[in-house]
Amino acid sequence: MRSSLLSWIEEGNITIPAILFLEYRNIKLNEYELMLLLHINTFIEKGNGFPTPEELSSRMTISTTECTEILRKLIQHGFIEIIDECSTEGIRFERYSLRPLWEKLIDQFLLNKKGKQELSRQSEETDLYTCYEKEFGRPLSPFECETLGMWMDDDHHDPSIIKAALREAVMSGKLNFRYIDRILFEWKKNGIKTIDQAKSQGRKFRQKQMHGRDPQAEQPSSTTVPFYNWLEQ
């Protein structure tokens, strides 16, 4: 993903100023450094890959000396680099490359994304524990908490699937961790990964059990919904 984003930036498919304005503080740039980088980017886009400090400072409110100092810091801190190249005529020349800047922006973007995903996961996990405690009507024991963690971390069950297994156990009147663990085992064995798949699987099992019952035995209790006993698998 990092390499793809970098390619999109270098090909001009991503609006750079917008990203810079949002993230420049997070990658440790001040306003003068930001504006200087934007001017360098503009020069590059216009075909001037190595603008002089004089050319850059003429567009800003800083002197040539200050511009030179900022350029030195940007190179030193890894925001820009000077590339030594050779033309087809054999003439050597230098140009600025903003690739280090784009790499820092991408790293920051991915860091932000990872942070949001982690917050979302933490929220889901908290909600999961709360949901289980509500159904069990008590705080979970350390062993039960560890089991929930193992379902997520070791077995890689999504929290929504673990909630669905809890609902299945409640419907079956068998509210215990051994029963829920068996449901999750069967779902994983059958490739069940979404809520819709889990609901469909549950319906199929209950329909199968209903069809296998003796109609004569259904008399007064015919309104009772049959449930699949996962522990008998």
C-alpha atoms as a PDB file:
ATOM      1  CA  MET A   1       0.000   0.000   0.000  1.00  0.00           C
ATOM      2  CA  ARG A   2       2.839   2.372   0.832  1.00  0.00           C
ATOM      3  CA  SER A   3       4.458   1.925  -2.589  1.00  0.00           C
ATOM      4  CA  SER A   4       1.105   2.367  -4.355  1.00  0.00           C
ATOM      5  CA  LEU A   5       0.430   5.653  -2.565  1.00  0.00           C
ATOM      6  CA  LEU A   6       3.918   6.874  -3.399  1.00  0.00           C
ATOM      7  CA  SER A   7       3.369   6.074  -7.077  1.00  0.00           C
ATOM      8  CA  TRP A   8       0.041   7.911  -7.096  1.00  0.00           C
ATOM      9  CA  ILE A   9       1.648  10.998  -5.545  1.00  0.00           C
ATOM     10  CA  GLU A  10       4.565  11.047  -7.979  1.00  0.00           C
ATOM     11  CA  GLU A  11       2.185  10.633 -10.919  1.00  0.00           C
ATOM     12  CA  GLY A  12       0.142  13.624  -9.757  1.00  0.00           C
ATOM     13  CA  ASN A  13      -2.998  11.661  -8.886  1.00  0.00           C
ATOM     14  CA  ILE A  14      -3.160  12.981  -5.305  1.00  0.00           C
ATOM     15  CA  THR A  15      -3.577  16.655  -4.376  1.00  0.00           C
ATOM     16  CA  ILE A  16      -0.436  17.267  -2.339  1.00  0.00           C
ATOM     17  CA  PRO A  17      -1.160  20.695  -0.758  1.00  0.00           C
ATOM     18  CA  ALA A  18      -4.327  19.360   0.895  1.00  0.00           C
ATOM     19  CA  ILE A  19      -2.422  16.488   2.477  1.00  0.00           C
ATOM     20  CA  LEU A  20       0.427  18.759   3.545  1.00  0.00           C
ATOM     21  CA  PHE A  21      -1.918  21.283   5.145  1.00  0.00           C
ATOM     22  CA  LEU A  22      -3.530  18.531   7.187  1.00  0.00           C
ATOM     23  CA  GLU A  23      -0.385  16.739   8.291  1.00  0.00           C
ATOM     24  CA  TYR A  24       2.566  19.164   8.248  1.00  0.00           C
ATOM     25  CA  ARG A  25       2.513  19.676  12.020  1.00  0.00           C
ATOM     26  CA  ASN A  26       2.430  15.932  12.630  1.00  0.00           C
ATOM     27  CA  ILE A  27       5.560  15.407  10.515  1.00  0.00           C
ATOM     28  CA  LYS A  28       7.359  18.253  12.388  1.00  0.00           C
ATOM     29  CA  LEU A  29       7.229  21.053   9.796  1.00  0.00           C
ATOM     30  CA  ASN A  30       6.640  24.717  10.605  1.00  0.00           C
ATOM     31  CA  GLU A  31       4.815  27.212   8.383  1.00  0.00           C
ATOM     32  CA  TYR A  32       7.955  28.600   6.711  1.00  0.00           C
ATOM     33  CA  GLU A  33       9.196  25.118   5.873  1.00  0.00           C
ATOM     34  CA  LEU A  34       5.761  24.167   4.569  1.00  0.00           C
ATOM     35  CA  MET A  35       5.559  27.175   2.261  1.00  0.00           C
ATOM     36  CA  LEU A  36       9.071  26.628   0.981  1.00  0.00           C
ATOM     37  CA  LEU A  37       8.258  23.014   0.135  1.00  0.00           C
ATOM     38  CA  LEU A  38       5.092  24.093  -1.662  1.00  0.00           C
ATOM     39  CA  HIS A  39       7.079  26.594  -3.726  1.00  0.00           C
ATOM     40  CA  ILE A  40       9.674  23.951  -4.573  1.00  0.00           C
ATOM     41  CA  ASN A  41       6.861  21.632  -5.662  1.00  0.00           C
ATOM     42  CA  THR A  42       5.429  24.405  -7.865  1.00  0.00           C
ATOM     43  CA  PHE A  43       8.816  25.054  -9.489  1.00  0.00           C
ATOM     44  CA  ILE A  44       9.233  21.344 -10.175  1.00  0.00           C
ATOM     45  CA  GLU A  45       5.777  21.148 -11.758  1.00  0.00           C
ATOM     46  CA  LYS A  46       6.699  24.099 -14.014  1.00  0.00           C
ATOM     47  CA  GLY A  47       9.865  22.343 -15.171  1.00  0.00           C
ATOM     48  CA  ASN A  48      12.428  23.965 -12.886  1.00  0.00           C
ATOM     49  CA  GLY A  49      13.739  21.102 -10.777  1.00  0.00           C
ATOM     50  CA  PHE A  50      16.417  23.086  -8.954  1.00  0.00           C
ATOM     51  CA  PRO A  51      15.188  26.607  -8.063  1.00  0.00           C
ATOM     52  CA  THR A  52      17.796  28.815  -6.399  1.00  0.00           C
ATOM     53  CA  PRO A  53      17.369  30.319  -2.935  1.00  0.00           C
ATOM     54  CA  GLU A  54      16.975  33.685  -4.662  1.00  0.00           C
ATOM     55  CA  GLU A  55      14.097  32.384  -6.792  1.00  0.00           C
ATOM     56  CA  LEU A  56      12.417  30.807  -3.812  1.00  0.00           C
ATOM     57  CA  SER A  57      12.843  33.744  -1.436  1.00  0.00           C
ATOM     58  CA  SER A  58      11.423  36.120  -4.068  1.00  0.00           C
ATOM     59  CA  ARG A  59       8.068  34.404  -3.581  1.00  0.00           C
ATOM     60  CA  MET A  60       8.225  34.544   0.206  1.00  0.00           C
ATOM     61  CA  THR A  61       8.695  37.046   3.015  1.00  0.00           C
ATOM     62  CA  ILE A  62      12.116  35.702   3.982  1.00  0.00           C
ATOM     63  CA  SER A  63      15.588  36.670   2.836  1.00  0.00           C
ATOM     64  CA  THR A  64      17.821  34.604   0.602  1.00  0.00           C
ATOM     65  CA  THR A  65      19.982  33.768   3.620  1.00  0.00           C
ATOM     66  CA  GLU A  66      16.976  32.553   5.620  1.00  0.00           C
ATOM     67  CA  CYS A  67      15.787  30.559   2.627  1.00  0.00           C
ATOM     68  CA  THR A  68      19.196  28.890   2.291  1.00  0.00           C
ATOM     69  CA  GLU A  69      19.171  27.981   5.990  1.00  0.00           C
ATOM     70  CA  ILE A  70      15.681  26.457   5.758  1.00  0.00           C
ATOM     71  CA  LEU A  71      16.700  24.460   2.698  1.00  0.00           C
ATOM     72  CA  ARG A  72      19.705  23.133   4.600  1.00  0.00           C
ATOM     73  CA  LYS A  73      17.478  22.027   7.507  1.00  0.00           C
ATOM     74  CA  LEU A  74      14.963  20.380   5.194  1.00  0.00           C
ATOM     75  CA  ILE A  75      17.723  18.358   3.564  1.00  0.00           C
ATOM     76  CA  GLN A  76      19.290  17.537   6.922  1.00  0.00           C
ATOM     77  CA  HIS A  77      15.967  16.383   8.414  1.00  0.00           C
ATOM     78  CA  GLY A  78      15.111  14.240   5.403  1.00  0.00           C
ATOM     79  CA  PHE A  79      12.279  16.187   3.757  1.00  0.00           C
ATOM     80  CA  ILE A  80      14.000  16.845   0.440  1.00  0.00           C
ATOM     81  CA  GLU A  81      17.099  15.528  -1.285  1.00  0.00           C
ATOM     82  CA  ILE A  82      19.329  16.704  -4.096  1.00  0.00           C
ATOM     83  CA  ILE A  83      19.609  14.260  -6.991  1.00  0.00           C
ATOM     84  CA  ASP A  84      22.651  14.337  -9.286  1.00  0.00           C
ATOM     85  CA  GLU A  85      21.626  13.309 -12.815  1.00  0.00           C
ATOM     86  CA  CYS A  86      22.994  13.260 -16.340  1.00  0.00           C
ATOM     87  CA  SER A  87      21.088  14.383 -19.437  1.00  0.00           C
ATOM     88  CA  THR A  88      20.990  12.478 -22.715  1.00  0.00           C
ATOM     89  CA  GLU A  89      23.627  14.927 -23.974  1.00  0.00           C
ATOM     90  CA  GLY A  90      25.952  13.928 -21.175  1.00  0.00           C
ATOM     91  CA  ILE A  91      25.463  17.147 -19.195  1.00  0.00           C
ATOM     92  CA  ARG A  92      25.340  16.642 -15.433  1.00  0.00           C
ATOM     93  CA  PHE A  93      22.776  18.601 -13.433  1.00  0.00           C
ATOM     94  CA  GLU A  94      21.145  18.653 -10.003  1.00  0.00           C
ATOM     95  CA  ARG A  95      17.495  18.689  -9.043  1.00  0.00           C
ATOM     96  CA  TYR A  96      15.406  18.584  -5.905  1.00  0.00           C
ATOM     97  CA  SER A  97      13.419  15.459  -5.089  1.00  0.00           C
ATOM     98  CA  LEU A  98      10.443  15.640  -2.732  1.00  0.00           C
ATOM     99  CA  ARG A  99      10.205  11.866  -2.500  1.00  0.00           C
ATOM    100  CA  PRO A 100      11.417  11.872   1.150  1.00  0.00           C
ATOM    101  CA  LEU A 101       8.567  14.273   1.984  1.00  0.00           C
ATOM    102  CA  TRP A 102       5.982  12.064   0.287  1.00  0.00           C
ATOM    103  CA  GLU A 103       7.342   9.054   2.169  1.00  0.00           C
ATOM    104  CA  LYS A 104       6.932  10.867   5.481  1.00  0.00           C
ATOM    105  CA  LEU A 105       3.393  11.863   4.548  1.00  0.00           C
ATOM    106  CA  ILE A 106       2.494   8.298   3.633  1.00  0.00           C
ATOM    107  CA  ASP A 107       3.990   6.960   6.867  1.00  0.00           C
ATOM    108  CA  GLN A 108       1.928   9.504   8.811  1.00  0.00           C
ATOM    109  CA  PHE A 109      -1.212   8.601   6.862  1.00  0.00           C
ATOM    110  CA  LEU A 110      -0.723   4.881   7.544  1.00  0.00           C
ATOM    111  CA  LEU A 111       0.024   5.623  11.209  1.00  0.00           C
ATOM    112  CA  ASN A 112      -3.220   7.592  11.495  1.00  0.00           C
ATOM    113  CA  LYS A 113      -5.125   4.790   9.805  1.00  0.00           C
ATOM    114  CA  LYS A 114      -3.599   2.177  12.096  1.00  0.00           C
ATOM    115  CA  GLY A 115      -4.468   4.318  15.121  1.00  0.00           C
ATOM    116  CA  LYS A 116      -8.093   4.633  14.007  1.00  0.00           C
ATOM    117  CA  GLN A 117      -8.309   0.903  13.379  1.00  0.00           C
ATOM    118  CA  GLU A 118      -6.851   0.186  16.810  1.00  0.00           C
ATOM    119  CA  LEU A 119      -9.357   2.539  18.478  1.00  0.00           C
ATOM    120  CA  SER A 120     -12.177   0.874  16.561  1.00  0.00           C
ATOM    121  CA  ARG A 121     -10.936  -2.572  17.616  1.00  0.00           C
ATOM    122  CA  GLN A 122     -10.658  -1.495  21.254  1.00  0.00           C
ATOM    123  CA  SER A 123     -14.206  -0.142  21.121  1.00  0.00           C
ATOM    124  CA  GLU A 124     -15.468  -3.397  19.594  1.00  0.00           C
ATOM    125  CA  GLU A 125     -13.666  -5.467  22.219  1.00  0.00           C
ATOM    126  CA  THR A 126     -15.062  -3.352  25.083  1.00  0.00           C
ATOM    127  CA  ASP A 127     -18.543  -3.669  23.621  1.00  0.00           C
ATOM    128  CA  LEU A 128     -18.029  -7.427  23.272  1.00  0.00           C
ATOM    129  CA  TYR A 129     -17.097  -7.896  26.940  1.00  0.00           C
ATOM    130  CA  THR A 130     -20.039  -5.710  27.994  1.00  0.00           C
ATOM    131  CA  CYS A 131     -22.407  -7.736  25.803  1.00  0.00           C
ATOM    132  CA  TYR A 132     -21.251 -11.026  27.349  1.00  0.00           C
ATOM    133  CA  GLU A 133     -21.497  -9.714  30.899  1.00  0.00           C
ATOM    134  CA  LYS A 134     -25.008  -8.452  30.200  1.00  0.00           C
ATOM    135  CA  GLU A 135     -26.187 -11.838  28.902  1.00  0.00           C
ATOM    136  CA  PHE A 136     -24.486 -13.785  31.704  1.00  0.00           C
ATOM    137  CA  GLY A 137     -25.817 -11.292  34.253  1.00  0.00           C
ATOM    138  CA  ARG A 138     -22.485 -11.039  36.058  1.00  0.00           C
ATOM    139  CA  PRO A 139     -18.861  -9.952  35.591  1.00  0.00           C
ATOM    140  CA  LEU A 140     -16.829 -12.427  33.562  1.00  0.00           C
ATOM    141  CA  SER A 141     -14.235 -14.523  35.337  1.00  0.00           C
ATOM    142  CA  PRO A 142     -10.530 -14.152  34.461  1.00  0.00           C
ATOM    143  CA  PHE A 143     -10.729 -17.472  32.574  1.00  0.00           C
ATOM    144  CA  GLU A 144     -13.737 -16.286  30.578  1.00  0.00           C
ATOM    145  CA  CYS A 145     -12.018 -13.002  29.743  1.00  0.00           C
ATOM    146  CA  GLU A 146      -8.964 -14.938  28.607  1.00  0.00           C
ATOM    147  CA  THR A 147     -11.176 -17.167  26.454  1.00  0.00           C
ATOM    148  CA  LEU A 148     -12.706 -14.135  24.748  1.00  0.00           C
ATOM    149  CA  GLY A 149      -9.234 -12.835  24.053  1.00  0.00           C
ATOM    150  CA  MET A 150      -8.133 -16.184  22.612  1.00  0.00           C
ATOM    151  CA  TRP A 151     -11.147 -16.268  20.292  1.00  0.00           C
ATOM    152  CA  MET A 152     -10.074 -12.936  18.871  1.00  0.00           C
ATOM    153  CA  ASP A 153      -6.275 -13.169  18.953  1.00  0.00           C
ATOM    154  CA  ASP A 154      -5.588 -16.886  18.435  1.00  0.00           C
ATOM    155  CA  ASP A 155      -8.636 -18.039  16.471  1.00  0.00           C
ATOM    156  CA  HIS A 156      -9.032 -14.689  14.669  1.00  0.00           C
ATOM    157  CA  HIS A 157     -12.791 -14.529  15.102  1.00  0.00           C
ATOM    158  CA  ASP A 158     -14.288 -11.108  14.419  1.00  0.00           C
ATOM    159  CA  PRO A 159     -16.035  -9.621  17.502  1.00  0.00           C
ATOM    160  CA  SER A 160     -19.323  -9.530  15.553  1.00  0.00           C
ATOM    161  CA  ILE A 161     -19.100 -13.291  14.971  1.00  0.00           C
ATOM    162  CA  ILE A 162     -18.379 -13.891  18.658  1.00  0.00           C
ATOM    163  CA  LYS A 163     -21.494 -11.866  19.480  1.00  0.00           C
ATOM    164  CA  ALA A 164     -23.491 -13.911  16.980  1.00  0.00           C
ATOM    165  CA  ALA A 165     -22.315 -17.126  18.659  1.00  0.00           C
ATOM    166  CA  LEU A 166     -23.472 -15.706  21.999  1.00  0.00           C
ATOM    167  CA  ARG A 167     -26.920 -14.993  20.532  1.00  0.00           C
ATOM    168  CA  GLU A 168     -27.063 -18.542  19.146  1.00  0.00           C
ATOM    169  CA  ALA A 169     -26.262 -19.933  22.599  1.00  0.00           C
ATOM    170  CA  VAL A 170     -28.933 -17.737  24.203  1.00  0.00           C
ATOM    171  CA  MET A 171     -31.533 -18.897  21.660  1.00  0.00           C
ATOM    172  CA  SER A 172     -30.571 -22.527  22.341  1.00  0.00           C
ATOM    173  CA  GLY A 173     -30.832 -22.026  26.091  1.00  0.00           C
ATOM    174  CA  LYS A 174     -27.247 -23.184  26.591  1.00  0.00           C
ATOM    175  CA  LEU A 175     -25.453 -20.122  27.896  1.00  0.00           C
ATOM    176  CA  ASN A 176     -21.960 -21.356  28.670  1.00  0.00           C
ATOM    177  CA  PHE A 177     -18.521 -20.796  27.144  1.00  0.00           C
ATOM    178  CA  ARG A 178     -18.024 -24.442  26.166  1.00  0.00           C
ATOM    179  CA  TYR A 179     -21.154 -24.331  24.031  1.00  0.00           C
ATOM    180  CA  ILE A 180     -20.186 -20.971  22.447  1.00  0.00           C
ATOM    181  CA  ASP A 181     -16.700 -22.269  21.742  1.00  0.00           C
ATOM    182  CA  ARG A 182     -18.207 -25.257  19.924  1.00  0.00           C
ATOM    183  CA  ILE A 183     -20.378 -22.953  17.803  1.00  0.00           C
ATOM    184  CA  LEU A 184     -17.352 -20.884  16.828  1.00  0.00           C
ATOM    185  CA  PHE A 185     -15.390 -24.045  16.039  1.00  0.00           C
ATOM    186  CA  GLU A 186     -18.148 -25.317  13.739  1.00  0.00           C
ATOM    187  CA  TRP A 187     -18.504 -21.940  12.037  1.00  0.00           C
ATOM    188  CA  LYS A 188     -14.794 -21.688  11.399  1.00  0.00           C
ATOM    189  CA  LYS A 189     -14.707 -25.252  10.050  1.00  0.00           C
ATOM    190  CA  ASN A 190     -17.525 -24.366   7.633  1.00  0.00           C
ATOM    191  CA  GLY A 191     -15.996 -21.044   6.585  1.00  0.00           C
ATOM    192  CA  ILE A 192     -18.554 -18.868   8.358  1.00  0.00           C
ATOM    193  CA  LYS A 193     -17.107 -15.353   8.596  1.00  0.00           C
ATOM    194  CA  THR A 194     -20.044 -12.929   8.393  1.00  0.00           C
ATOM    195  CA  ILE A 195     -23.205 -12.317  10.408  1.00  0.00           C
ATOM    196  CA  ASP A 196     -25.406 -13.209   7.437  1.00  0.00           C
ATOM    197  CA  GLN A 197     -23.566 -16.506   6.951  1.00  0.00           C
ATOM    198  CA  ALA A 198     -23.918 -17.291  10.667  1.00  0.00           C
ATOM    199  CA  LYS A 199     -27.662 -16.578  10.613  1.00  0.00           C
ATOM    200  CA  SER A 200     -28.103 -18.674   7.491  1.00  0.00           C
ATOM    201  CA  GLN A 201     -26.166 -21.569   9.027  1.00  0.00           C
ATOM    202  CA  GLY A 202     -28.298 -21.422  12.167  1.00  0.00           C
ATOM    203  CA  ARG A 203     -31.521 -21.433  10.151  1.00  0.00           C
ATOM    204  CA  LYS A 204     -30.366 -24.419   8.099  1.00  0.00           C
ATOM    205  CA  PHE A 205     -29.519 -26.436  11.211  1.00  0.00           C
ATOM    206  CA  ARG A 206     -32.862 -25.629  12.865  1.00  0.00           C
ATOM    207  CA  GLN A 207     -34.833 -26.423   9.707  1.00  0.00           C
ATOM    208  CA  LYS A 208     -32.974 -29.717   9.368  1.00  0.00           C
ATOM    209  CA  GLN A 209     -33.744 -30.604  12.975  1.00  0.00           C
ATOM    210  CA  MET A 210     -37.400 -29.612  12.562  1.00  0.00           C
ATOM    211  CA  HIS A 211     -37.843 -31.781   9.469  1.00  0.00           C
ATOM    212  CA  GLY A 212     -36.310 -34.749  11.244  1.00  0.00           C
ATOM    213  CA  ARG A 213     -38.844 -34.682  14.087  1.00  0.00           C
ATOM    214  CA  ASP A 214     -41.910 -36.940  14.350  1.00  0.00           C
ATOM    215  CA  PRO A 215     -45.021 -34.864  13.499  1.00  0.00           C
ATOM    216  CA  GLN A 216     -47.063 -36.918  16.007  1.00  0.00           C
ATOM    217  CA  ALA A 217     -44.798 -35.725  18.783  1.00  0.00           C
ATOM    218  CA  GLU A 218     -45.381 -32.103  18.024  1.00  0.00           C
ATOM    219  CA  GLN A 219     -48.844 -31.808  19.659  1.00  0.00           C
ATOM    220  CA  PRO A 220     -49.066 -29.127  22.426  1.00  0.00           C
ATOM    221  CA  SER A 221     -45.465 -28.152  22.096  1.00  0.00           C
ATOM    222  CA  SER A 222     -45.669 -27.480  18.337  1.00  0.00           C
ATOM    223  CA  THR A 223     -45.108 -23.761  18.971  1.00  0.00           C
ATOM    224  CA  THR A 224     -41.749 -24.483  20.535  1.00  0.00           C
ATOM    225  CA  VAL A 225     -38.879 -23.538  18.237  1.00  0.00           C
ATOM    226  CA  PRO A 226     -36.377 -26.389  17.870  1.00  0.00           C
ATOM    227  CA  PHE A 227     -32.736 -25.487  18.390  1.00  0.00           C
ATOM    228  CA  TYR A 228     -29.605 -27.074  17.101  1.00  0.00           C
ATOM    229  CA  ASN A 229     -27.398 -28.719  19.705  1.00  0.00           C
ATOM    230  CA  TRP A 230     -23.882 -27.760  18.644  1.00  0.00           C
ATOM    231  CA  LEU A 231     -22.286 -29.976  21.300  1.00  0.00           C
ATOM    232  CA  GLU A 232     -23.618 -33.088  19.596  1.00  0.00           C
ATOM    233  CA  GLN A 233     -21.494 -32.472  16.504  1.00  0.00           C
END
